Structure formats: structure tokens, C-alpha cells
């Protein structure tokens, strides 16, 4: 079982080729509310893919805040 810090480190250690941190969340009302809270901030891109939400962000601090909130609600999708 991975600890929350390990999950955050793993998720935030990689960027896509464009330099964005990429977070994947389960799609439900709770996750959408978390994402809406940050969507107003510059550099946050939200894409809807069926049962998942893809969040792209250039800022590490904003990406970490989003990841922490999603992880606390058990909505963050990650690979071990």
C-alpha cells in the first residue's frame, strides 16, 4: 500500500511533452466540484473522457493542491 506522500511524489514526478503535470480523476460530482474550484486559475486545462477527468496544469503547486484534494477523497487515479 502506497502512502499519500508516495502517491503525490509519483504523480507529480512526471510531465507530459508540453510540460504539463497530468492528473487523472474518477468522474463524479465530488471530483467535478474539486476541479471547478481550480479551473478558474490560469493554466488549468480540464478534459472529460467518459468516466474520467484529465487535469493538466503547468504549476506544480496548483497540481499538488488538486492532487491532495482528490487523493483525500479517494478520487485520484494513478499507476503503481
Protein backbone atom coordinates (compact mmCIF):
# COMPACT_ATOMS: atom_id res chain seq x y z
CA UNK A 1 0.00 0.00 0.00
CA UNK A 2 1.44 3.34 -1.05
CA UNK A 3 1.38 6.24 1.38
CA UNK A 4 -0.19 9.55 0.32
CA UNK A 5 3.24 11.21 0.08
CA UNK A 6 4.49 8.43 -2.19
CA UNK A 7 1.44 8.77 -4.41
CA UNK A 8 1.89 12.55 -4.66
CA UNK A 9 5.58 12.17 -5.43
CA UNK A 10 4.82 9.62 -8.15
CA UNK A 11 2.03 11.65 -9.74
CA UNK A 12 3.96 14.93 -9.68
CA UNK A 13 7.28 13.46 -10.82
CA UNK A 14 6.23 13.25 -14.46
CA UNK A 15 5.18 15.82 -17.02
CA UNK A 16 3.78 15.41 -20.49
CA UNK A 17 5.87 16.52 -23.51
CA UNK A 18 4.31 20.00 -23.34
CA UNK A 19 5.44 20.47 -19.73
CA UNK A 20 2.08 19.97 -18.05
CA UNK A 21 1.51 17.93 -14.91
CA UNK A 22 -1.26 15.46 -15.74
CA UNK A 23 -3.74 14.25 -13.13
CA UNK A 24 -6.48 11.71 -13.77
CA UNK A 25 -9.58 11.60 -11.63
CA UNK A 26 -12.68 9.46 -11.44
CA UNK A 27 -15.59 11.44 -12.86
CA UNK A 28 -18.35 12.18 -10.38
CA UNK A 29 -19.96 15.26 -8.81
CA UNK A 30 -17.44 15.45 -5.99
CA UNK A 31 -14.45 15.36 -8.38
CA UNK A 32 -16.07 17.94 -10.66
CA UNK A 33 -16.54 20.29 -7.68
CA UNK A 34 -12.85 19.97 -6.77
CA UNK A 35 -11.82 20.66 -10.36
CA UNK A 36 -14.19 23.64 -10.68
CA UNK A 37 -12.53 25.18 -7.63
CA UNK A 38 -9.21 25.29 -9.53
CA UNK A 39 -10.45 25.71 -13.09
CA UNK A 40 -10.57 29.50 -12.70
CA UNK A 41 -6.81 29.58 -12.11
CA UNK A 42 -4.67 30.18 -15.17
CA UNK A 43 -3.01 27.21 -16.75
CA UNK A 44 -5.52 24.57 -15.61
CA UNK A 45 -6.98 22.60 -18.51
CA UNK A 46 -9.79 20.11 -17.87
CA UNK A 47 -10.75 17.39 -20.35
CA UNK A 48 -13.66 14.99 -19.98
CA UNK A 49 -13.03 11.40 -21.09
CA UNK A 50 -16.11 9.31 -20.37
CA UNK A 51 -15.68 8.05 -16.80
CA UNK A 52 -12.52 10.08 -16.14
CA UNK A 53 -11.44 13.68 -15.89
CA UNK A 54 -7.99 14.67 -17.19
CA UNK A 55 -6.50 17.73 -15.49
CA UNK A 56 -3.44 19.43 -16.99
CA UNK A 57 -1.57 22.13 -15.13
CA UNK A 58 1.78 23.93 -15.59
CA UNK A 59 2.04 24.96 -11.93
CA UNK A 60 3.40 22.31 -9.60
CA UNK A 61 1.82 23.93 -6.53
CA UNK A 62 -1.64 24.03 -8.11
CA UNK A 63 -1.25 20.46 -9.39
CA UNK A 64 -0.22 19.36 -5.89
CA UNK A 65 -3.22 21.10 -4.32
CA UNK A 66 -5.61 19.45 -6.76
CA UNK A 67 -3.94 16.05 -6.27
CA UNK A 68 -4.13 16.35 -2.46
CA UNK A 69 -7.85 17.15 -2.54
CA UNK A 70 -8.61 14.33 -4.98
CA UNK A 71 -6.44 11.88 -3.04
CA UNK A 72 -8.17 12.77 0.25
CA UNK A 73 -11.49 11.88 -1.38
CA UNK A 74 -10.06 8.72 -2.98
CA UNK A 75 -10.77 10.07 -6.47
CA UNK A 76 -7.24 10.28 -7.87
CA UNK A 77 -6.36 7.61 -10.43
CA UNK A 78 -2.68 6.59 -10.55
CA UNK A 79 -0.49 3.71 -11.60
CA UNK A 80 1.65 1.91 -9.06
